[in-house]
C-alpha atoms as a PDB file:
ATOM      1  CA  MET A   1       5.606 -55.631  22.936  1.00  0.00           C
ATOM      2  CA  SER A   2       8.233 -55.501  25.348  1.00  0.00           C
ATOM      3  CA  ASP A   3       9.651 -52.313  27.318  1.00  0.00           C
ATOM      4  CA  LYS A   4      12.325 -52.274  25.152  1.00  0.00           C
ATOM      5  CA  GLU A   5      10.933 -52.327  21.767  1.00  0.00           C
ATOM      6  CA  LYS A   6       8.278 -49.163  23.068  1.00  0.00           C
ATOM      7  CA  GLU A   7      10.946 -47.442  24.527  1.00  0.00           C
ATOM      8  CA  VAL A   8      12.974 -47.784  20.927  1.00  0.00           C
ATOM      9  CA  GLU A   9       9.771 -47.274  18.738  1.00  0.00           C
ATOM     10  CA  PHE A  10       9.059 -44.155  21.064  1.00  0.00           C
ATOM     11  CA  TYR A  11      12.585 -43.139  20.690  1.00  0.00           C
ATOM     12  CA  ALA A  12      12.209 -43.281  16.444  1.00  0.00           C
ATOM     13  CA  ALA A  13       9.229 -41.860  16.989  1.00  0.00           C
ATOM     14  CA  THR A  14      10.335 -38.528  19.422  1.00  0.00           C
ATOM     15  CA  VAL A  15      13.242 -38.474  16.718  1.00  0.00           C
ATOM     16  CA  GLY A  16      11.045 -38.419  13.261  1.00  0.00           C
ATOM     17  CA  ALA A  17       9.152 -35.958  15.341  1.00  0.00           C
ATOM     18  CA  TRP A  18      12.269 -33.546  15.539  1.00  0.00           C
ATOM     19  CA  LEU A  19      13.416 -33.909  12.027  1.00  0.00           C
ATOM     20  CA  ASN A  20      10.098 -32.959  10.886  1.00  0.00           C
ATOM     21  CA  THR A  21      10.232 -30.079  13.414  1.00  0.00           C
ATOM     22  CA  LYS A  22      13.354 -29.092  12.064  1.00  0.00           C
ATOM     23  CA  PHE A  23      12.438 -29.251   8.426  1.00  0.00           C
ATOM     24  CA  GLU A  24       9.360 -27.673   8.455  1.00  0.00           C
ATOM     25  CA  LEU A  25      10.693 -24.502  10.036  1.00  0.00           C
ATOM     26  CA  ASP A  26      13.151 -24.243   7.200  1.00  0.00           C
ATOM     27  CA  LYS A  27      10.329 -24.594   4.611  1.00  0.00           C
ATOM     28  CA  SER A  28       8.495 -22.234   6.285  1.00  0.00           C
ATOM     29  CA  LEU A  29      11.506 -19.418   6.689  1.00  0.00           C
ATOM     30  CA  LEU A  30      11.961 -20.108   2.675  1.00  0.00           C
ATOM     31  CA  THR A  31       8.717 -19.666   1.738  1.00  0.00           C
ATOM     32  CA  LEU A  32       8.095 -16.721   3.769  1.00  0.00           C
ATOM     33  CA  SER A  33      11.184 -15.482   2.794  1.00  0.00           C
ATOM     34  CA  THR A  34      10.540 -15.518  -1.283  1.00  0.00           C
ATOM     35  CA  GLY A  35       6.902 -14.003  -0.345  1.00  0.00           C
ATOM     36  CA  ALA A  36       8.612 -11.037   1.263  1.00  0.00           C
ATOM     37  CA  ILE A  37      11.020 -11.101  -1.116  1.00  0.00           C
ATOM     38  CA  GLY A  38       7.838 -10.686  -3.783  1.00  0.00           C
ATOM     39  CA  LEU A  39       5.635  -8.101  -1.841  1.00  0.00           C
ATOM     40  CA  LEU A  40       8.937  -5.727  -1.205  1.00  0.00           C
ATOM     41  CA  VAL A  41       9.372  -5.720  -5.062  1.00  0.00           C
ATOM     42  CA  THR A  42       6.074  -5.116  -5.691  1.00  0.00           C
ATOM     43  CA  LEU A  43       6.100  -2.030  -3.240  1.00  0.00           C
ATOM     44  CA  LEU A  44       9.134  -0.942  -4.201  1.00  0.00           C
ATOM     45  CA  THR A  45       7.373  -0.735  -8.605  1.00  0.00           C
ATOM     46  CA  THR A  46       4.075   0.114  -7.162  1.00  0.00           C
ATOM     47  CA  VAL A  47       4.699   2.618  -4.383  1.00  0.00           C
ATOM     48  CA  GLY A  48       8.348   3.825  -5.038  1.00  0.00           C
ATOM     49  CA  ALA A  49      10.960   4.515  -2.405  1.00  0.00           C
ATOM     50  CA  THR A  50      10.404   8.637  -1.079  1.00  0.00           C
ATOM     51  CA  SER A  51      13.835   8.910   0.055  1.00  0.00           C
ATOM     52  CA  VAL A  52      17.339   7.559  -0.504  1.00  0.00           C
ATOM     53  CA  GLU A  53      17.278   6.696   3.040  1.00  0.00           C
ATOM     54  CA  GLY A  54      14.083   4.586   2.166  1.00  0.00           C
ATOM     55  CA  LEU A  55      15.687   2.840  -0.773  1.00  0.00           C
ATOM     56  CA  ALA A  56      18.239   1.564   1.332  1.00  0.00           C
ATOM     57  CA  LEU A  57      15.990  -0.003   3.744  1.00  0.00           C
ATOM     58  CA  TYR A  58      14.077  -1.711   0.753  1.00  0.00           C
ATOM     59  CA  PHE A  59      17.623  -3.091  -1.033  1.00  0.00           C
ATOM     60  CA  VAL A  60      18.611  -4.314   3.023  1.00  0.00           C
ATOM     61  CA  ALA A  61      15.775  -6.009   3.739  1.00  0.00           C
ATOM     62  CA  LEU A  62      15.765  -7.990   0.246  1.00  0.00           C
ATOM     63  CA  LEU A  63      19.395  -8.550   0.756  1.00  0.00           C
ATOM     64  CA  SER A  64      18.727  -9.930   4.420  1.00  0.00           C
ATOM     65  CA  PHE A  65      15.644 -11.973   2.818  1.00  0.00           C
ATOM     66  CA  LEU A  66      17.804 -13.299  -0.138  1.00  0.00           C
ATOM     67  CA  VAL A  67      20.363 -14.574   2.452  1.00  0.00           C
ATOM     68  CA  CYS A  68      17.730 -16.330   4.311  1.00  0.00           C
ATOM     69  CA  VAL A  69      17.111 -18.029   1.111  1.00  0.00           C
ATOM     70  CA  VAL A  70      20.246 -18.766   0.118  1.00  0.00           C
ATOM     71  CA  SER A  71      21.108 -20.039   3.311  1.00  0.00           C
ATOM     72  CA  ILE A  72      18.149 -22.330   3.511  1.00  0.00           C
ATOM     73  CA  LEU A  73      18.759 -23.767   0.303  1.00  0.00           C
ATOM     74  CA  LEU A  74      22.232 -24.649   1.684  1.00  0.00           C
ATOM     75  CA  VAL A  75      20.627 -26.136   4.982  1.00  0.00           C
ATOM     76  CA  PHE A  76      18.614 -28.719   2.614  1.00  0.00           C
ATOM     77  CA  LYS A  77      21.860 -29.768   0.834  1.00  0.00           C
ATOM     78  CA  ARG A  78      24.273 -30.009   3.704  1.00  0.00           C
ATOM     79  CA  ASN A  79      21.563 -31.851   5.704  1.00  0.00           C
ATOM     80  CA  ALA A  80      21.533 -34.574   3.093  1.00  0.00           C
ATOM     81  CA  LYS A  81      25.387 -35.203   3.805  1.00  0.00           C
ATOM     82  CA  HIS A  82      25.403 -34.830   7.540  1.00  0.00           C
ATOM     83  CA  LEU A  83      22.425 -37.909   7.497  1.00  0.00           C
ATOM     84  CA  GLU A  84      24.928 -39.693   5.556  1.00  0.00           C
ATOM     85  CA  GLY A  85      27.789 -38.608   8.387  1.00  0.00           C
ATOM     86  CA  ILE A  86      25.434 -40.176  11.019  1.00  0.00           C
ATOM     87  CA  VAL A  87      24.610 -43.067   9.695  1.00  0.00           C
ATOM     88  CA  THR A  88      28.299 -44.364   8.823  1.00  0.00           C
ATOM     89  CA  GLU A  89      29.443 -43.187  12.068  1.00  0.00           C
ATOM     90  CA  THR A  90      32.014 -40.678  10.648  1.00  0.00           C
ATOM     91  CA  GLN A  91      30.353 -37.263  11.756  1.00  0.00           C
ATOM     92  CA  THR A  92      28.558 -35.986  15.248  1.00  0.00           C
ATOM     93  CA  SER A  93      28.185 -32.631  14.696  1.00  0.00           C
ATOM     94  CA  ASP A  94      28.196 -29.868  11.792  1.00  0.00           C
ATOM     95  CA  PRO A  95      29.238 -26.229  12.886  1.00  0.00           C
ATOM     96  CA  LEU A  96      28.683 -25.168   9.311  1.00  0.00           C
ATOM     97  CA  LEU A  97      25.011 -26.446   9.194  1.00  0.00           C
ATOM     98  CA  LYS A  98      24.877 -24.717  12.837  1.00  0.00           C
ATOM     99  CA  SER A  99      26.017 -21.686  11.751  1.00  0.00           C
ATOM    100  CA  LEU A 100      23.953 -21.805   8.172  1.00  0.00           C
ATOM    101  CA  ASP A 101      20.751 -22.151  10.370  1.00  0.00           C
ATOM    102  CA  THR A 102      21.488 -19.140  12.667  1.00  0.00           C
ATOM    103  CA  SER A 103      21.989 -17.023   9.142  1.00  0.00           C
ATOM    104  CA  ALA A 104      18.723 -17.902   8.233  1.00  0.00           C
ATOM    105  CA  ALA A 105      17.197 -16.986  11.344  1.00  0.00           C
ATOM    106  CA  PHE A 106      18.409 -13.904  12.102  1.00  0.00           C
ATOM    107  CA  SER A 107      18.495 -12.755   8.242  1.00  0.00           C
ATOM    108  CA  PHE A 108      14.707 -13.554   8.272  1.00  0.00           C
ATOM    109  CA  VAL A 109      13.961 -11.523  11.577  1.00  0.00           C
ATOM    110  CA  PHE A 110      16.432  -8.920  10.265  1.00  0.00           C
ATOM    111  CA  GLY A 111      14.012  -8.681   7.200  1.00  0.00           C
ATOM    112  CA  VAL A 112      11.217  -8.748   8.752  1.00  0.00           C
ATOM    113  CA  ILE A 113      11.997  -5.812  11.009  1.00  0.00           C
ATOM    114  CA  LEU A 114      13.172  -3.782   8.318  1.00  0.00           C
ATOM    115  CA  THR A 115      10.163  -4.786   5.985  1.00  0.00           C
ATOM    116  CA  LEU A 116       8.224  -3.525   9.279  1.00  0.00           C
ATOM    117  CA  ILE A 117       9.780  -0.343   8.614  1.00  0.00           C
ATOM    118  CA  ILE A 118       9.483   0.356   5.612  1.00  0.00           C
ATOM    119  CA  GLY A 119       6.062  -0.235   5.993  1.00  0.00           C
ATOM    120  CA  GLY A 120       5.262   2.170   8.652  1.00  0.00           C
ATOM    121  CA  THR A 121       7.279   4.879   6.951  1.00  0.00           C
ATOM    122  CA  THR A 122       5.193   4.617   3.994  1.00  0.00           C
ATOM    123  CA  ALA A 123       1.970   4.653   5.867  1.00  0.00           C
ATOM    124  CA  ILE A 124       3.266   7.872   7.230  1.00  0.00           C
ATOM    125  CA  ASN A 125       4.517   9.075   4.081  1.00  0.00           C
ATOM    126  CA  GLN A 126       1.323   9.304   2.432  1.00  0.00           C
ATOM    127  CA  PHE A 127      -0.479  10.067   5.414  1.00  0.00           C
ATOM    128  CA  ILE A 128       1.371  12.928   5.246  1.00  0.00           C
ATOM    129  CA  GLU A 129       0.916  13.535   1.306  1.00  0.00           C
ATOM    130  CA  LYS A 130      -2.188  13.633   1.677  1.00  0.00           C
ATOM    131  CA  GLU A 131      -3.121  16.173   4.788  1.00  0.00           C
ATOM    132  CA  ILE A 132      -0.713  18.372   2.639  1.00  0.00           C
ATOM    133  CA  LYS A 133      -2.810  17.963  -0.487  1.00  0.00           C
ATOM    134  CA  MET A 134      -6.189  18.916   1.437  1.00  0.00           C
ATOM    135  CA  THR A 135      -4.600  21.849   3.328  1.00  0.00           C
ATOM    136  CA  LYS A 136      -3.499  23.044  -0.007  1.00  0.00           C
ATOM    137  CA  GLU A 137      -7.349  22.475  -0.937  1.00  0.00           C
ATOM    138  CA  VAL A 138      -8.640  23.968   2.197  1.00  0.00           C
ATOM    139  CA  ASN A 139      -5.905  26.901   1.519  1.00  0.00           C
ATOM    140  CA  LYS A 140      -7.220  27.371  -2.034  1.00  0.00           C
ATOM    141  CA  THR A 141     -10.654  28.508  -0.545  1.00  0.00           C
ATOM    142  CA  ILE A 142      -9.514  30.646   1.767  1.00  0.00           C
ATOM    143  CA  HIS A 143      -7.082  32.568  -0.497  1.00  0.00           C
ATOM    144  CA  ASN A 144      -9.418  33.194  -4.158  1.00  0.00           C
ATOM    145  CA  VAL A 145     -11.079  36.522  -1.735  1.00  0.00           C
ATOM    146  CA  ALA A 146      -8.770  39.498  -2.902  1.00  0.00           C
ATOM    147  CA  VAL A 147      -7.401  41.394  -0.099  1.00  0.00           C
ATOM    148  CA  GLY A 148      -9.712  44.910   0.322  1.00  0.00           C
ATOM    149  CA  ASP A 149     -12.300  43.063  -1.329  1.00  0.00           C
ATOM    150  CA  SER A 150     -15.723  44.178   0.485  1.00  0.00           C
ATOM    151  CA  ILE A 151     -19.394  43.019   0.139  1.00  0.00           C
ATOM    152  CA  ASN A 152     -20.072  46.073  -1.050  1.00  0.00           C
ATOM    153  CA  GLY A 153     -22.412  45.535  -3.907  1.00  0.00           C
ATOM    154  CA  LEU A 154     -24.154  42.791  -2.362  1.00  0.00           C
ATOM    155  CA  GLU A 155     -27.820  44.448  -2.704  1.00  0.00           C
ATOM    156  CA  ALA A 156     -27.436  43.554  -6.456  1.00  0.00           C
ATOM    157  CA  LEU A 157     -27.861  40.000  -5.598  1.00  0.00           C
ATOM    158  CA  ARG A 158     -31.561  40.493  -3.461  1.00  0.00           C
ATOM    159  CA  PRO A 159     -34.379  39.286  -5.635  1.00  0.00           C
ATOM    160  CA  ALA A 160     -36.515  41.760  -6.894  1.00  0.00           C
ATOM    161  CA  GLY A 161     -39.915  42.996  -5.084  1.00  0.00           C
ATOM    162  CA  LYS A 162     -42.261  41.552  -7.108  1.00  0.00           C
ATOM    163  CA  GLU A 163     -41.600  39.096  -9.894  1.00  0.00           C
ATOM    164  CA  LYS A 164     -43.595  39.434 -13.373  1.00  0.00           C
ATOM    165  CA  ALA A 165     -45.840  37.366 -14.538  1.00  0.00           C
ATOM    166  CA  SER A 166     -44.175  35.236 -17.158  1.00  0.00           C
ATOM    167  CA  VAL A 167     -46.681  36.580 -19.845  1.00  0.00           C
ATOM    168  CA  GLU A 168     -47.107  40.038 -18.703  1.00  0.00           C
ATOM    169  CA  GLY A 169     -46.406  42.098 -21.243  1.00  0.00           C
ATOM    170  CA  ILE A 170     -48.408  40.067 -24.019  1.00  0.00           C
ATOM    171  CA  ILE A 171     -50.611  42.917 -24.972  1.00  0.00           C
ATOM    172  CA  ASN A 172     -47.705  44.475 -26.578  1.00  0.00           C
ATOM    173  CA  MET A 173     -48.244  41.435 -29.025  1.00  0.00           C
ATOM    174  CA  LYS A 174     -51.855  42.357 -30.014  1.00  0.00           C
ATOM    175  CA  PRO A 175     -51.887  43.676 -33.918  1.00  0.00           C
ATOM    176  CA  GLN A 176     -52.509  47.335 -33.708  1.00  0.00           C
ATOM    177  CA  PRO A 177     -55.137  49.121 -36.220  1.00  0.00           C
ATOM    178  CA  LYS A 178     -53.684  50.324 -39.772  1.00  0.00           C
ATOM    179  CA  PRO A 179     -53.983  54.074 -39.487  1.00  0.00           C
ATOM    180  CA  GLN A 180     -56.311  54.969 -42.526  1.00  0.00           C
ATOM    181  CA  PRO A 181     -55.128  57.885 -44.958  1.00  0.00           C
ATOM    182  CA  ALA A 182     -57.066  61.227 -44.520  1.00  0.00           C
ATOM    183  CA  LYS A 183     -59.539  61.533 -47.124  1.00  0.00           C
ATOM    184  CA  SER A 184     -59.696  64.101 -48.972  1.00  0.00           C
ATOM    185  CA  LYS A 185     -63.234  66.548 -48.479  1.00  0.00           C
ATOM    186  CA  PRO A 186     -64.366  68.122 -51.545  1.00  0.00           C
ATOM    187  CA  GLU A 187     -63.644  71.798 -52.011  1.00  0.00           C
ATOM    188  CA  ASP A 188     -66.541  73.631 -52.049  1.00  0.00           C
END
């Protein structure tokens, strides 16, 4: 193989690797964005938004990932036309393709940032709710003592000095002799 053939092979391999890298990036963004949409919808339906601001965060994050998905799908469609233009030597660059790539990347990063904020605020809200619940339980125990109560009457809780045997008093169960009617004495 001559040096010229080696250089052509090297160039072809490099272009192929470059195209594969670009396509893999787009495929990864598409997969991650659709997964993020599923995650956000699941979080929204199970945990829910705790405020209007939280609901807005969910909406904007979902919208960001949707923009990324649509941008990538348009990139795939536009790539075919761009490759045809390069092969026929009628096109050298495609500004729309470049803006779609940029849009996909920025919307994905923005969606990730919003999702992290949503996750952080959800965790903080759940922690605060747990703390409030625990504080209320502690306060219930403390507030069960009425104002003015004292420990007067504590003596009644002291165990008796000697415990009676469990069968004490059984003697009382003994049958008593029947009283005999008095006999009358004959009169003399």
